Amino acid sequence: MISVREATVDDVDAVREIGLTTWPVAYDGLVSPEFIADGLAQWWSPEVVERGITRGITLVAVVDERVVGMVGLGQEAGFWVMWKLYVLPGYQGQGVGKALLDGAIGALPVGTDQLLLDVLVGNEQAIRFYRKNGFGAPRSTPDRDLGDELIWMARAL
């Protein structure tokens, strides 16, 4: 059974494990090894993970008392953005990602009209998951150029 709960600072190591384990698998063949190493250092350090937990919305998915997935949300220019949604490889395809997404949407403030995310253009597995779960072209986005490698997706709420 999958349970989703708000992360606490006691979850920093478990959340980092998800990123450190999942990123190299998720992005293998899509980006350079240097990009993966830089991303792990920049976005999965203990300080950055703790800041996400204490200042944003971070939820974890738990199966048999093990943290197996996480989702992190925050705001950019007044928009709610899902920055991270990762599930350990051995738990993918079992409803963990959907449970995290549902939990994330439920954790947003009342009146939030869309949830945004940016995704790597070539990450077809992620794009399929998001489309299957109601994401498509956004109505509006923060004024930030994503370049040619990323695209915005949104789910109307």
C-alpha atoms as a PDB file:
ATOM      1  CA  MET A   1       0.000   0.000   0.000  1.00  0.00           C
ATOM      2  CA  ILE A   2       1.227   3.477  -0.936  1.00  0.00           C
ATOM      3  CA  SER A   3       0.894   6.321   1.531  1.00  0.00           C
ATOM      4  CA  VAL A   4       1.796   9.931   0.790  1.00  0.00           C
ATOM      5  CA  ARG A   5       2.730  12.380   3.501  1.00  0.00           C
ATOM      6  CA  GLU A   6       4.429  15.726   3.950  1.00  0.00           C
ATOM      7  CA  ALA A   7       8.200  15.421   4.178  1.00  0.00           C
ATOM      8  CA  THR A   8      10.073  16.591   7.261  1.00  0.00           C
ATOM      9  CA  VAL A   9      13.749  17.416   7.748  1.00  0.00           C
ATOM     10  CA  ASP A  10      14.125  13.833   9.005  1.00  0.00           C
ATOM     11  CA  ASP A  11      13.435  12.771   5.392  1.00  0.00           C
ATOM     12  CA  VAL A  12      16.352  14.678   3.826  1.00  0.00           C
ATOM     13  CA  ASP A  13      18.534  11.577   3.418  1.00  0.00           C
ATOM     14  CA  ALA A  14      15.683   9.470   2.008  1.00  0.00           C
ATOM     15  CA  VAL A  15      14.690  12.211  -0.458  1.00  0.00           C
ATOM     16  CA  ARG A  16      18.310  12.606  -1.541  1.00  0.00           C
ATOM     17  CA  GLU A  17      18.566   8.835  -2.065  1.00  0.00           C
ATOM     18  CA  ILE A  18      15.650   9.048  -4.490  1.00  0.00           C
ATOM     19  CA  GLY A  19      17.348  11.767  -6.501  1.00  0.00           C
ATOM     20  CA  LEU A  20      20.810  10.238  -6.415  1.00  0.00           C
ATOM     21  CA  THR A  21      19.414   6.851  -7.479  1.00  0.00           C
ATOM     22  CA  THR A  22      16.812   7.988  -9.994  1.00  0.00           C
ATOM     23  CA  TRP A  23      18.515  10.835 -11.860  1.00  0.00           C
ATOM     24  CA  PRO A  24      21.278   8.756 -13.481  1.00  0.00           C
ATOM     25  CA  VAL A  25      18.688   6.200 -14.651  1.00  0.00           C
ATOM     26  CA  ALA A  26      16.064   8.730 -15.787  1.00  0.00           C
ATOM     27  CA  TYR A  27      18.469  10.843 -17.813  1.00  0.00           C
ATOM     28  CA  ASP A  28      20.853   8.192 -19.134  1.00  0.00           C
ATOM     29  CA  GLY A  29      21.159   8.701 -22.876  1.00  0.00           C
ATOM     30  CA  LEU A  30      19.152  11.962 -22.778  1.00  0.00           C
ATOM     31  CA  VAL A  31      21.837  14.272 -21.402  1.00  0.00           C
ATOM     32  CA  SER A  32      25.567  14.201 -20.860  1.00  0.00           C
ATOM     33  CA  PRO A  33      27.117  12.529 -17.812  1.00  0.00           C
ATOM     34  CA  GLU A  34      28.375  16.007 -16.838  1.00  0.00           C
ATOM     35  CA  PHE A  35      24.801  17.357 -16.851  1.00  0.00           C
ATOM     36  CA  ILE A  36      23.735  14.522 -14.553  1.00  0.00           C
ATOM     37  CA  ALA A  37      26.682  15.102 -12.194  1.00  0.00           C
ATOM     38  CA  ASP A  38      26.047  18.865 -12.136  1.00  0.00           C
ATOM     39  CA  GLY A  39      22.314  18.361 -11.531  1.00  0.00           C
ATOM     40  CA  LEU A  40      22.914  15.941  -8.674  1.00  0.00           C
ATOM     41  CA  ALA A  41      25.310  18.408  -7.044  1.00  0.00           C
ATOM     42  CA  GLN A  42      23.077  21.428  -7.629  1.00  0.00           C
ATOM     43  CA  TRP A  43      19.567  20.080  -6.946  1.00  0.00           C
ATOM     44  CA  TRP A  44      20.086  17.116  -4.635  1.00  0.00           C
ATOM     45  CA  SER A  45      22.542  18.430  -2.058  1.00  0.00           C
ATOM     46  CA  PRO A  46      21.474  18.117   1.588  1.00  0.00           C
ATOM     47  CA  GLU A  47      21.040  21.909   1.794  1.00  0.00           C
ATOM     48  CA  VAL A  48      18.856  22.183  -1.307  1.00  0.00           C
ATOM     49  CA  VAL A  49      16.691  19.214  -0.315  1.00  0.00           C
ATOM     50  CA  GLU A  50      16.219  20.611   3.197  1.00  0.00           C
ATOM     51  CA  ARG A  51      15.352  24.055   1.788  1.00  0.00           C
ATOM     52  CA  GLY A  52      12.710  22.444  -0.455  1.00  0.00           C
ATOM     53  CA  ILE A  53      11.213  20.663   2.536  1.00  0.00           C
ATOM     54  CA  THR A  54      11.174  23.721   4.793  1.00  0.00           C
ATOM     55  CA  ARG A  55      10.244  26.434   2.284  1.00  0.00           C
ATOM     56  CA  GLY A  56       8.160  24.691  -0.384  1.00  0.00           C
ATOM     57  CA  ILE A  57       5.871  21.704  -0.504  1.00  0.00           C
ATOM     58  CA  THR A  58       7.629  18.341  -0.467  1.00  0.00           C
ATOM     59  CA  LEU A  59       5.719  15.095  -0.169  1.00  0.00           C
ATOM     60  CA  VAL A  60       7.077  11.576   0.050  1.00  0.00           C
ATOM     61  CA  ALA A  61       5.534   8.265  -0.940  1.00  0.00           C
ATOM     62  CA  VAL A  62       6.040   5.416   1.494  1.00  0.00           C
ATOM     63  CA  VAL A  63       5.687   1.693   0.781  1.00  0.00           C
ATOM     64  CA  ASP A  64       6.334  -0.806   3.574  1.00  0.00           C
ATOM     65  CA  GLU A  65       7.879   1.964   5.710  1.00  0.00           C
ATOM     66  CA  ARG A  66      10.387   2.886   2.955  1.00  0.00           C
ATOM     67  CA  VAL A  67      10.391   6.275   1.233  1.00  0.00           C
ATOM     68  CA  VAL A  68      10.222   5.324  -2.454  1.00  0.00           C
ATOM     69  CA  GLY A  69       9.217   8.565  -4.180  1.00  0.00           C
ATOM     70  CA  MET A  70       9.057  12.300  -3.745  1.00  0.00           C
ATOM     71  CA  VAL A  71       7.464  15.372  -5.258  1.00  0.00           C
ATOM     72  CA  GLY A  72       8.582  18.955  -4.717  1.00  0.00           C
ATOM     73  CA  LEU A  73       6.614  22.099  -5.505  1.00  0.00           C
ATOM     74  CA  GLY A  74       7.286  25.785  -5.167  1.00  0.00           C
ATOM     75  CA  GLN A  75       6.406  29.101  -6.675  1.00  0.00           C
ATOM     76  CA  GLU A  76       7.987  31.011  -9.515  1.00  0.00           C
ATOM     77  CA  ALA A  77       6.641  34.461 -10.376  1.00  0.00           C
ATOM     78  CA  GLY A  78       3.305  33.619  -8.732  1.00  0.00           C
ATOM     79  CA  PHE A  79       2.906  30.276 -10.528  1.00  0.00           C
ATOM     80  CA  TRP A  80       2.904  26.935  -8.713  1.00  0.00           C
ATOM     81  CA  VAL A  81       5.538  24.706 -10.291  1.00  0.00           C
ATOM     82  CA  MET A  82       6.248  21.029  -9.699  1.00  0.00           C
ATOM     83  CA  TRP A  83      10.047  21.017  -9.677  1.00  0.00           C
ATOM     84  CA  LYS A  84      10.600  17.344  -8.962  1.00  0.00           C
ATOM     85  CA  LEU A  85       8.626  14.110  -9.131  1.00  0.00           C
ATOM     86  CA  TYR A  86      10.794  11.010  -8.890  1.00  0.00           C
ATOM     87  CA  VAL A  87      10.145   7.391  -7.958  1.00  0.00           C
ATOM     88  CA  LEU A  88      12.824   4.811  -7.270  1.00  0.00           C
ATOM     89  CA  PRO A  89      13.236   2.598 -10.365  1.00  0.00           C
ATOM     90  CA  GLY A  90      12.052  -0.589  -8.632  1.00  0.00           C
ATOM     91  CA  TYR A  91       8.764   1.097  -7.681  1.00  0.00           C
ATOM     92  CA  GLN A  92       7.891   2.734 -11.010  1.00  0.00           C
ATOM     93  CA  GLY A  93       4.749   1.586 -12.793  1.00  0.00           C
ATOM     94  CA  GLN A  94       3.015   0.720  -9.502  1.00  0.00           C
ATOM     95  CA  GLY A  95       0.977   3.896  -8.962  1.00  0.00           C
ATOM     96  CA  VAL A  96       3.529   5.726  -6.805  1.00  0.00           C
ATOM     97  CA  GLY A  97       3.942   8.625  -9.253  1.00  0.00           C
ATOM     98  CA  LYS A  98       0.171   9.035  -9.589  1.00  0.00           C
ATOM     99  CA  ALA A  99      -0.232   8.976  -5.801  1.00  0.00           C
ATOM    100  CA  LEU A 100       2.448  11.674  -5.469  1.00  0.00           C
ATOM    101  CA  LEU A 101       0.858  13.797  -8.190  1.00  0.00           C
ATOM    102  CA  ASP A 102      -2.577  13.515  -6.568  1.00  0.00           C
ATOM    103  CA  GLY A 103      -1.039  14.429  -3.212  1.00  0.00           C
ATOM    104  CA  ALA A 104       0.755  17.411  -4.722  1.00  0.00           C
ATOM    105  CA  ILE A 105      -2.424  18.764  -6.298  1.00  0.00           C
ATOM    106  CA  GLY A 106      -4.254  18.286  -3.008  1.00  0.00           C
ATOM    107  CA  ALA A 107      -1.523  20.207  -1.156  1.00  0.00           C
ATOM    108  CA  LEU A 108      -1.813  23.321  -3.325  1.00  0.00           C
ATOM    109  CA  PRO A 109      -3.598  26.357  -1.913  1.00  0.00           C
ATOM    110  CA  VAL A 110      -7.314  26.622  -2.607  1.00  0.00           C
ATOM    111  CA  GLY A 111      -7.886  28.660  -5.746  1.00  0.00           C
ATOM    112  CA  THR A 112      -4.754  27.522  -7.567  1.00  0.00           C
ATOM    113  CA  ASP A 113      -5.869  27.296 -11.200  1.00  0.00           C
ATOM    114  CA  GLN A 114      -2.972  25.367 -12.777  1.00  0.00           C
ATOM    115  CA  LEU A 115       0.102  23.370 -11.884  1.00  0.00           C
ATOM    116  CA  LEU A 116       3.144  23.867 -14.119  1.00  0.00           C
ATOM    117  CA  LEU A 117       6.244  21.795 -14.692  1.00  0.00           C
ATOM    118  CA  ASP A 118       9.158  21.902 -17.045  1.00  0.00           C
ATOM    119  CA  VAL A 119      10.354  18.706 -18.649  1.00  0.00           C
ATOM    120  CA  LEU A 120      13.255  17.728 -20.864  1.00  0.00           C
ATOM    121  CA  VAL A 121      12.092  17.648 -24.495  1.00  0.00           C
ATOM    122  CA  GLY A 122      13.494  14.146 -25.097  1.00  0.00           C
ATOM    123  CA  ASN A 123      12.149  12.626 -21.890  1.00  0.00           C
ATOM    124  CA  GLU A 124       9.304  10.747 -23.572  1.00  0.00           C
ATOM    125  CA  GLN A 125       8.612   8.516 -20.557  1.00  0.00           C
ATOM    126  CA  ALA A 126       7.971  11.546 -18.341  1.00  0.00           C
ATOM    127  CA  ILE A 127       6.001  13.399 -21.014  1.00  0.00           C
ATOM    128  CA  ARG A 128       3.754  10.342 -21.546  1.00  0.00           C
ATOM    129  CA  PHE A 129       3.153  10.104 -17.773  1.00  0.00           C
ATOM    130  CA  TYR A 130       2.246  13.791 -17.529  1.00  0.00           C
ATOM    131  CA  ARG A 131      -0.033  13.709 -20.588  1.00  0.00           C
ATOM    132  CA  LYS A 132      -1.778  10.610 -19.228  1.00  0.00           C
ATOM    133  CA  ASN A 133      -2.381  12.573 -16.025  1.00  0.00           C
ATOM    134  CA  GLY A 134      -3.935  15.643 -17.629  1.00  0.00           C
ATOM    135  CA  PHE A 135      -0.952  17.845 -18.460  1.00  0.00           C
ATOM    136  CA  GLY A 136      -0.772  19.710 -21.740  1.00  0.00           C
ATOM    137  CA  ALA A 137       0.089  23.147 -23.066  1.00  0.00           C
ATOM    138  CA  PRO A 138      -0.030  25.866 -20.395  1.00  0.00           C
ATOM    139  CA  ARG A 139      -2.317  28.902 -20.566  1.00  0.00           C
ATOM    140  CA  SER A 140       0.469  31.076 -19.186  1.00  0.00           C
ATOM    141  CA  THR A 141       3.925  30.593 -17.679  1.00  0.00           C
ATOM    142  CA  PRO A 142       6.573  32.519 -15.796  1.00  0.00           C
ATOM    143  CA  ASP A 143       8.598  34.830 -18.006  1.00  0.00           C
ATOM    144  CA  ARG A 144      11.609  32.525 -18.238  1.00  0.00           C
ATOM    145  CA  ASP A 145      13.069  31.188 -21.458  1.00  0.00           C
ATOM    146  CA  LEU A 146      13.483  27.422 -21.204  1.00  0.00           C
ATOM    147  CA  GLY A 147      15.657  27.263 -24.301  1.00  0.00           C
ATOM    148  CA  ASP A 148      15.404  24.348 -26.726  1.00  0.00           C
ATOM    149  CA  GLU A 149      15.918  21.549 -24.180  1.00  0.00           C
ATOM    150  CA  LEU A 150      12.907  22.072 -21.886  1.00  0.00           C
ATOM    151  CA  ILE A 151       9.184  22.653 -22.373  1.00  0.00           C
ATOM    152  CA  TRP A 152       6.468  23.865 -20.032  1.00  0.00           C
ATOM    153  CA  MET A 153       3.492  21.624 -19.363  1.00  0.00           C
ATOM    154  CA  ALA A 154       0.459  22.438 -17.215  1.00  0.00           C
ATOM    155  CA  ARG A 155      -2.553  20.814 -15.683  1.00  0.00           C
ATOM    156  CA  ALA A 156      -5.631  22.949 -15.215  1.00  0.00           C
ATOM    157  CA  LEU A 157      -7.093  22.575 -11.737  1.00  0.00           C
END
